[in-house]
Amino acid sequence: MTTPGPTPALTPEDHVLLRRAIALAAEARASGNPPFGSLLSGPDGTVLAEERNTTLTGDDITAHPELKLARWAARELDVATAAGTTMYTSCQPCGMCEAAIQQAGLRRVVFALSNEQLLDIRPGSGRPPVPQHGPALLDEVRAVVAPHYR
């Protein structure tokens, strides 16, 4: 999900649900939050849950609608149902949300605006990049992490 691939032909139903995600983004903006909205549909196209960005009104920098829906799906859906879902979202999920969507086992994401297109509209966050240093202490961390994946 990190890089948008070739866009498969979207169905008229996809467009209806994507327009609803855009409407949810407008609702988020109207309530004083950044304009992002998402919904999750089941295998039959039924809307299972909807969310809006609440990062400002909820005083939570992680309150992205995609992350909230991924958490909901991981908690409320069985693996088979989650694997048949589609998330419709006004903008392409950020890295944090993308990881949660993958962990929740969702099948597909359809977005209206790519991250690249969003940066053309809103260039950067105004904050400097945070330096990262590593990897380090590989043997020590591997001893802790590797047993979890065996």
Protein backbone atom coordinates (compact mmCIF):
# COMPACT_ATOMS: atom_id res chain seq x y z
CA MET A 1 0.00 0.00 0.00
CA THR A 2 2.91 2.41 0.30
CA THR A 3 3.06 3.25 -3.37
CA PRO A 4 -0.08 3.52 -5.39
CA GLY A 5 -0.02 0.98 -8.16
CA PRO A 6 -1.92 1.19 -11.39
CA THR A 7 -5.48 2.06 -10.58
CA PRO A 8 -7.82 -0.78 -11.44
CA ALA A 9 -11.11 0.26 -12.91
CA LEU A 10 -13.35 1.37 -10.08
CA THR A 11 -16.99 0.39 -10.15
CA PRO A 12 -19.90 2.80 -9.81
CA GLU A 13 -20.35 1.35 -6.29
CA ASP A 14 -16.72 2.25 -5.49
CA HIS A 15 -17.42 5.82 -6.56
CA VAL A 16 -20.52 6.04 -4.34
CA LEU A 17 -18.57 4.88 -1.28
CA LEU A 18 -15.57 7.06 -2.10
CA ARG A 19 -17.88 10.07 -2.34
CA ARG A 20 -19.20 9.20 1.12
CA ALA A 21 -15.60 9.20 2.44
CA ILE A 22 -15.14 12.66 0.91
CA ALA A 23 -18.36 13.80 2.62
CA LEU A 24 -16.99 12.48 5.92
CA ALA A 25 -13.86 14.56 5.30
CA ALA A 26 -16.04 17.63 4.85
CA GLU A 27 -17.80 16.80 8.13
CA ALA A 28 -14.44 16.53 9.89
CA ARG A 29 -13.41 19.94 8.53
CA ALA A 30 -16.76 21.47 9.57
CA SER A 31 -16.19 20.23 13.13
CA GLY A 32 -12.76 21.87 13.33
CA ASN A 33 -10.54 18.93 12.38
CA PRO A 34 -8.32 18.23 9.38
CA PRO A 35 -10.43 17.18 6.37
CA PHE A 36 -10.05 13.41 6.34
CA GLY A 37 -12.81 10.80 6.33
CA SER A 38 -13.01 7.05 5.80
CA LEU A 39 -15.42 4.17 5.83
CA LEU A 40 -15.11 0.40 5.82
CA SER A 41 -17.37 -1.74 3.66
CA GLY A 42 -17.95 -5.45 4.01
CA PRO A 43 -17.56 -8.07 1.30
CA ASP A 44 -21.11 -7.34 0.07
CA GLY A 45 -20.53 -3.56 -0.07
CA THR A 46 -22.46 -2.79 3.11
CA VAL A 47 -20.97 0.04 5.14
CA LEU A 48 -19.72 -1.48 8.39
CA ALA A 49 -18.28 1.64 10.04
CA GLU A 50 -17.45 5.27 9.32
CA GLU A 51 -14.93 7.63 10.89
CA ARG A 52 -13.78 11.21 10.63
CA ASN A 53 -10.48 12.77 11.63
CA THR A 54 -10.67 13.99 15.25
CA THR A 55 -7.02 14.86 15.88
CA LEU A 56 -7.81 18.39 17.07
CA THR A 57 -11.16 18.02 18.84
CA GLY A 58 -10.04 14.75 20.41
CA ASP A 59 -6.61 16.12 21.34
CA ASP A 60 -5.04 12.95 19.88
CA ILE A 61 -2.50 13.19 17.07
CA THR A 62 -3.23 9.56 16.12
CA ALA A 63 -7.00 10.00 15.67
CA HIS A 64 -6.86 9.47 11.91
CA PRO A 65 -10.05 7.88 10.54
CA GLU A 66 -8.11 5.08 8.83
CA LEU A 67 -6.38 4.13 12.08
CA LYS A 68 -9.65 4.21 14.01
CA LEU A 69 -11.29 1.94 11.42
CA ALA A 70 -8.35 -0.49 11.40
CA ARG A 71 -8.53 -0.73 15.20
CA TRP A 72 -12.29 -1.26 15.01
CA ALA A 73 -11.90 -3.99 12.39
CA ALA A 74 -9.20 -5.81 14.37
CA ARG A 75 -11.42 -5.74 17.45
CA GLU A 76 -14.84 -6.41 15.90
CA LEU A 77 -14.39 -8.51 12.75
CA ASP A 78 -13.32 -12.09 12.32
CA VAL A 79 -10.32 -12.73 10.08
CA ALA A 80 -12.39 -13.90 7.09
CA THR A 81 -14.68 -10.88 7.17
CA ALA A 82 -11.77 -8.44 7.57
CA ALA A 83 -10.07 -10.08 4.58
CA GLY A 84 -13.10 -9.19 2.46
CA THR A 85 -13.37 -5.53 3.42
CA THR A 86 -12.57 -2.38 1.50
CA MET A 87 -11.61 0.89 3.13
CA TYR A 88 -12.66 4.00 1.24
CA THR A 89 -10.78 7.09 2.30
CA SER A 90 -10.55 10.69 1.21
CA CYS A 91 -6.75 10.60 1.17
CA GLN A 92 -4.16 7.83 0.88
CA PRO A 93 -3.33 6.45 4.34
CA CYS A 94 -0.16 7.68 6.00
CA GLY A 95 2.52 5.20 7.07
CA MET A 96 1.05 4.79 10.57
CA CYS A 97 -2.41 4.03 9.21
CA GLU A 98 -1.06 1.82 6.45
CA ALA A 99 0.67 -0.40 9.03
CA ALA A 100 -2.54 -0.67 11.09
CA ILE A 101 -4.60 -1.52 8.00
CA GLN A 102 -2.17 -4.30 7.13
CA GLN A 103 -2.16 -5.64 10.71
CA ALA A 104 -5.97 -5.64 10.74
CA GLY A 105 -5.96 -7.82 7.62
CA LEU A 106 -8.10 -5.54 5.46
CA ARG A 107 -8.27 -6.53 1.79
CA ARG A 108 -8.20 -3.28 -0.10
CA VAL A 109 -8.00 0.51 0.17
CA VAL A 110 -9.53 2.94 -2.31
CA PHE A 111 -8.49 6.58 -1.88
CA ALA A 112 -9.36 9.83 -3.63
CA LEU A 113 -6.21 11.92 -3.09
CA SER A 114 -2.69 10.46 -3.04
CA ASN A 115 -0.08 11.49 -0.47
CA GLU A 116 1.88 13.15 -3.28
CA GLN A 117 -1.17 15.13 -4.38
CA LEU A 118 -1.84 16.13 -0.77
CA LEU A 119 1.70 17.50 -0.46
CA ASP A 120 1.06 19.63 -3.55
CA ILE A 121 -1.92 21.15 -1.73
CA ARG A 122 -0.31 21.30 1.71
CA PRO A 123 3.47 21.18 1.47
CA GLY A 124 4.88 19.68 4.65
CA SER A 125 3.82 19.96 8.25
CA GLY A 126 5.95 22.98 9.03
CA ARG A 127 7.98 20.87 11.44
CA PRO A 128 11.57 19.80 10.82
CA PRO A 129 12.23 16.11 10.15
CA VAL A 130 13.11 14.08 13.23
CA PRO A 131 16.60 12.56 12.92
CA GLN A 132 16.74 8.79 13.28
CA HIS A 133 19.88 6.86 14.20
CA GLY A 134 20.24 3.11 13.85
CA PRO A 135 20.23 0.22 13.55
CA ALA A 136 22.24 -0.46 16.69
CA LEU A 137 22.65 -3.30 19.20
CA LEU A 138 21.31 -5.75 16.64
CA ASP A 139 22.19 -8.95 18.54
CA GLU A 140 20.58 -7.69 21.73
CA VAL A 141 17.35 -6.60 20.12
CA ARG A 142 17.17 -9.67 17.90
CA ALA A 143 17.26 -11.88 21.04
CA VAL A 144 14.13 -10.11 22.29
CA VAL A 145 12.21 -9.74 19.03
CA ALA A 146 12.98 -12.94 17.07
CA PRO A 147 11.28 -15.43 19.44
CA HIS A 148 7.96 -13.66 18.87
CA TYR A 149 8.09 -14.52 15.16
CA ARG A 150 9.11 -18.15 15.43
